[in-house]
Amino acid sequence: MLKAAIVLMLLATIASLFSGLVFLVKDDDQSTRLLKALTLRVTLATLTVGLVAWGFFSGQLVSHAPF
Protein backbone atom coordinates (compact mmCIF):
# COMPACT_ATOMS: atom_id res chain seq x y z
CA MET A 1 0.00 0.00 0.00
CA LEU A 2 2.82 2.40 0.86
CA LYS A 3 4.63 1.68 -2.40
CA ALA A 4 1.48 2.43 -4.38
CA ALA A 5 1.08 5.74 -2.54
CA ILE A 6 4.69 6.66 -3.32
CA VAL A 7 4.23 5.83 -7.00
CA LEU A 8 1.01 7.89 -7.15
CA MET A 9 2.77 10.84 -5.52
CA LEU A 10 5.61 10.61 -8.04
CA LEU A 11 3.14 10.51 -10.93
CA ALA A 12 1.30 13.53 -9.52
CA THR A 13 4.62 15.35 -9.20
CA ILE A 14 5.45 14.64 -12.84
CA ALA A 15 1.97 15.79 -13.93
CA SER A 16 2.44 19.02 -11.98
CA LEU A 17 5.85 19.50 -13.57
CA PHE A 18 4.43 19.22 -17.08
CA SER A 19 1.46 21.45 -16.29
CA GLY A 20 3.95 24.06 -15.08
CA LEU A 21 5.79 23.73 -18.38
CA VAL A 22 2.56 24.28 -20.30
CA PHE A 23 1.72 27.33 -18.18
CA LEU A 24 5.23 28.70 -18.73
CA VAL A 25 4.90 28.46 -22.49
CA LYS A 26 1.26 29.46 -23.00
CA ASP A 27 0.28 31.93 -20.26
CA ASP A 28 0.79 35.66 -20.24
CA ASP A 29 3.11 37.51 -17.87
CA GLN A 30 0.48 38.29 -15.21
CA SER A 31 -0.75 34.72 -14.68
CA THR A 32 -0.07 33.00 -11.36
CA ARG A 33 -0.84 29.49 -12.57
CA LEU A 34 2.85 28.71 -13.05
CA LEU A 35 3.62 29.69 -9.46
CA LYS A 36 0.75 27.56 -8.17
CA ALA A 37 1.84 24.55 -10.23
CA LEU A 38 5.41 24.80 -9.00
CA THR A 39 4.25 25.24 -5.40
CA LEU A 40 2.13 22.12 -5.77
CA ARG A 41 5.12 20.25 -7.22
CA VAL A 42 7.35 21.19 -4.30
CA THR A 43 4.63 20.16 -1.85
CA LEU A 44 4.12 16.81 -3.58
CA ALA A 45 7.86 16.15 -3.67
CA THR A 46 8.14 16.96 0.04
CA LEU A 47 5.28 14.60 0.85
CA THR A 48 6.90 11.88 -1.28
CA VAL A 49 10.19 12.22 0.59
CA GLY A 50 8.24 12.12 3.85
CA LEU A 51 6.46 8.92 2.79
CA VAL A 52 9.75 7.27 1.86
CA ALA A 53 11.33 8.32 5.16
CA TRP A 54 8.31 7.04 7.10
CA GLY A 55 8.46 3.76 5.17
CA PHE A 56 12.09 3.21 6.12
CA PHE A 57 11.48 4.29 9.72
CA SER A 58 8.48 1.98 10.15
CA GLY A 59 10.18 -0.96 8.43
CA GLN A 60 7.75 -1.18 5.52
CA LEU A 61 10.52 -0.26 3.08
CA VAL A 62 13.92 -1.91 3.28
CA SER A 63 17.10 -1.42 1.35
CA HIS A 64 18.75 -4.44 -0.26
CA ALA A 65 21.89 -2.54 -1.20
CA PRO A 66 25.09 -4.50 -0.53
CA PHE A 67 26.90 -1.52 0.99
C-alpha atoms as a PDB file:
ATOM      1  CA  MET A   1       0.000   0.000   0.000  1.00  0.00           C
ATOM      2  CA  LEU A   2       2.818   2.405   0.858  1.00  0.00           C
ATOM      3  CA  LYS A   3       4.634   1.680  -2.399  1.00  0.00           C
ATOM      4  CA  ALA A   4       1.477   2.434  -4.380  1.00  0.00           C
ATOM      5  CA  ALA A   5       1.076   5.739  -2.537  1.00  0.00           C
ATOM      6  CA  ILE A   6       4.690   6.657  -3.320  1.00  0.00           C
ATOM      7  CA  VAL A   7       4.232   5.834  -7.003  1.00  0.00           C
ATOM      8  CA  LEU A   8       1.015   7.893  -7.149  1.00  0.00           C
ATOM      9  CA  MET A   9       2.767  10.837  -5.517  1.00  0.00           C
ATOM     10  CA  LEU A  10       5.614  10.609  -8.041  1.00  0.00           C
ATOM     11  CA  LEU A  11       3.142  10.509 -10.932  1.00  0.00           C
ATOM     12  CA  ALA A  12       1.298  13.525  -9.518  1.00  0.00           C
ATOM     13  CA  THR A  13       4.618  15.349  -9.200  1.00  0.00           C
ATOM     14  CA  ILE A  14       5.448  14.640 -12.841  1.00  0.00           C
ATOM     15  CA  ALA A  15       1.972  15.791 -13.927  1.00  0.00           C
ATOM     16  CA  SER A  16       2.439  19.022 -11.978  1.00  0.00           C
ATOM     17  CA  LEU A  17       5.848  19.501 -13.574  1.00  0.00           C
ATOM     18  CA  PHE A  18       4.429  19.216 -17.081  1.00  0.00           C
ATOM     19  CA  SER A  19       1.462  21.448 -16.289  1.00  0.00           C
ATOM     20  CA  GLY A  20       3.949  24.061 -15.077  1.00  0.00           C
ATOM     21  CA  LEU A  21       5.789  23.729 -18.375  1.00  0.00           C
ATOM     22  CA  VAL A  22       2.558  24.276 -20.304  1.00  0.00           C
ATOM     23  CA  PHE A  23       1.717  27.329 -18.181  1.00  0.00           C
ATOM     24  CA  LEU A  24       5.233  28.702 -18.727  1.00  0.00           C
ATOM     25  CA  VAL A  25       4.899  28.457 -22.494  1.00  0.00           C
ATOM     26  CA  LYS A  26       1.263  29.459 -23.005  1.00  0.00           C
ATOM     27  CA  ASP A  27       0.285  31.928 -20.263  1.00  0.00           C
ATOM     28  CA  ASP A  28       0.791  35.657 -20.244  1.00  0.00           C
ATOM     29  CA  ASP A  29       3.106  37.512 -17.872  1.00  0.00           C
ATOM     30  CA  GLN A  30       0.481  38.292 -15.214  1.00  0.00           C
ATOM     31  CA  SER A  31      -0.752  34.721 -14.682  1.00  0.00           C
ATOM     32  CA  THR A  32      -0.068  33.004 -11.361  1.00  0.00           C
ATOM     33  CA  ARG A  33      -0.844  29.488 -12.566  1.00  0.00           C
ATOM     34  CA  LEU A  34       2.847  28.712 -13.048  1.00  0.00           C
ATOM     35  CA  LEU A  35       3.617  29.691  -9.464  1.00  0.00           C
ATOM     36  CA  LYS A  36       0.746  27.561  -8.165  1.00  0.00           C
ATOM     37  CA  ALA A  37       1.841  24.550 -10.235  1.00  0.00           C
ATOM     38  CA  LEU A  38       5.413  24.805  -8.996  1.00  0.00           C
ATOM     39  CA  THR A  39       4.247  25.243  -5.398  1.00  0.00           C
ATOM     40  CA  LEU A  40       2.134  22.118  -5.773  1.00  0.00           C
ATOM     41  CA  ARG A  41       5.123  20.247  -7.222  1.00  0.00           C
ATOM     42  CA  VAL A  42       7.353  21.189  -4.298  1.00  0.00           C
ATOM     43  CA  THR A  43       4.625  20.163  -1.850  1.00  0.00           C
ATOM     44  CA  LEU A  44       4.121  16.814  -3.577  1.00  0.00           C
ATOM     45  CA  ALA A  45       7.858  16.153  -3.668  1.00  0.00           C
ATOM     46  CA  THR A  46       8.140  16.958   0.043  1.00  0.00           C
ATOM     47  CA  LEU A  47       5.278  14.599   0.848  1.00  0.00           C
ATOM     48  CA  THR A  48       6.897  11.882  -1.277  1.00  0.00           C
ATOM     49  CA  VAL A  49      10.189  12.221   0.594  1.00  0.00           C
ATOM     50  CA  GLY A  50       8.239  12.122   3.852  1.00  0.00           C
ATOM     51  CA  LEU A  51       6.460   8.923   2.792  1.00  0.00           C
ATOM     52  CA  VAL A  52       9.749   7.271   1.863  1.00  0.00           C
ATOM     53  CA  ALA A  53      11.333   8.316   5.164  1.00  0.00           C
ATOM     54  CA  TRP A  54       8.313   7.044   7.098  1.00  0.00           C
ATOM     55  CA  GLY A  55       8.455   3.763   5.167  1.00  0.00           C
ATOM     56  CA  PHE A  56      12.093   3.212   6.120  1.00  0.00           C
ATOM     57  CA  PHE A  57      11.479   4.289   9.725  1.00  0.00           C
ATOM     58  CA  SER A  58       8.479   1.976  10.147  1.00  0.00           C
ATOM     59  CA  GLY A  59      10.183  -0.955   8.428  1.00  0.00           C
ATOM     60  CA  GLN A  60       7.749  -1.181   5.521  1.00  0.00           C
ATOM     61  CA  LEU A  61      10.518  -0.259   3.076  1.00  0.00           C
ATOM     62  CA  VAL A  62      13.918  -1.915   3.282  1.00  0.00           C
ATOM     63  CA  SER A  63      17.095  -1.418   1.346  1.00  0.00           C
ATOM     64  CA  HIS A  64      18.754  -4.436  -0.258  1.00  0.00           C
ATOM     65  CA  ALA A  65      21.893  -2.536  -1.202  1.00  0.00           C
ATOM     66  CA  PRO A  66      25.092  -4.498  -0.526  1.00  0.00           C
ATOM     67  CA  PHE A  67      26.901  -1.519   0.995  1.00  0.00           C
END
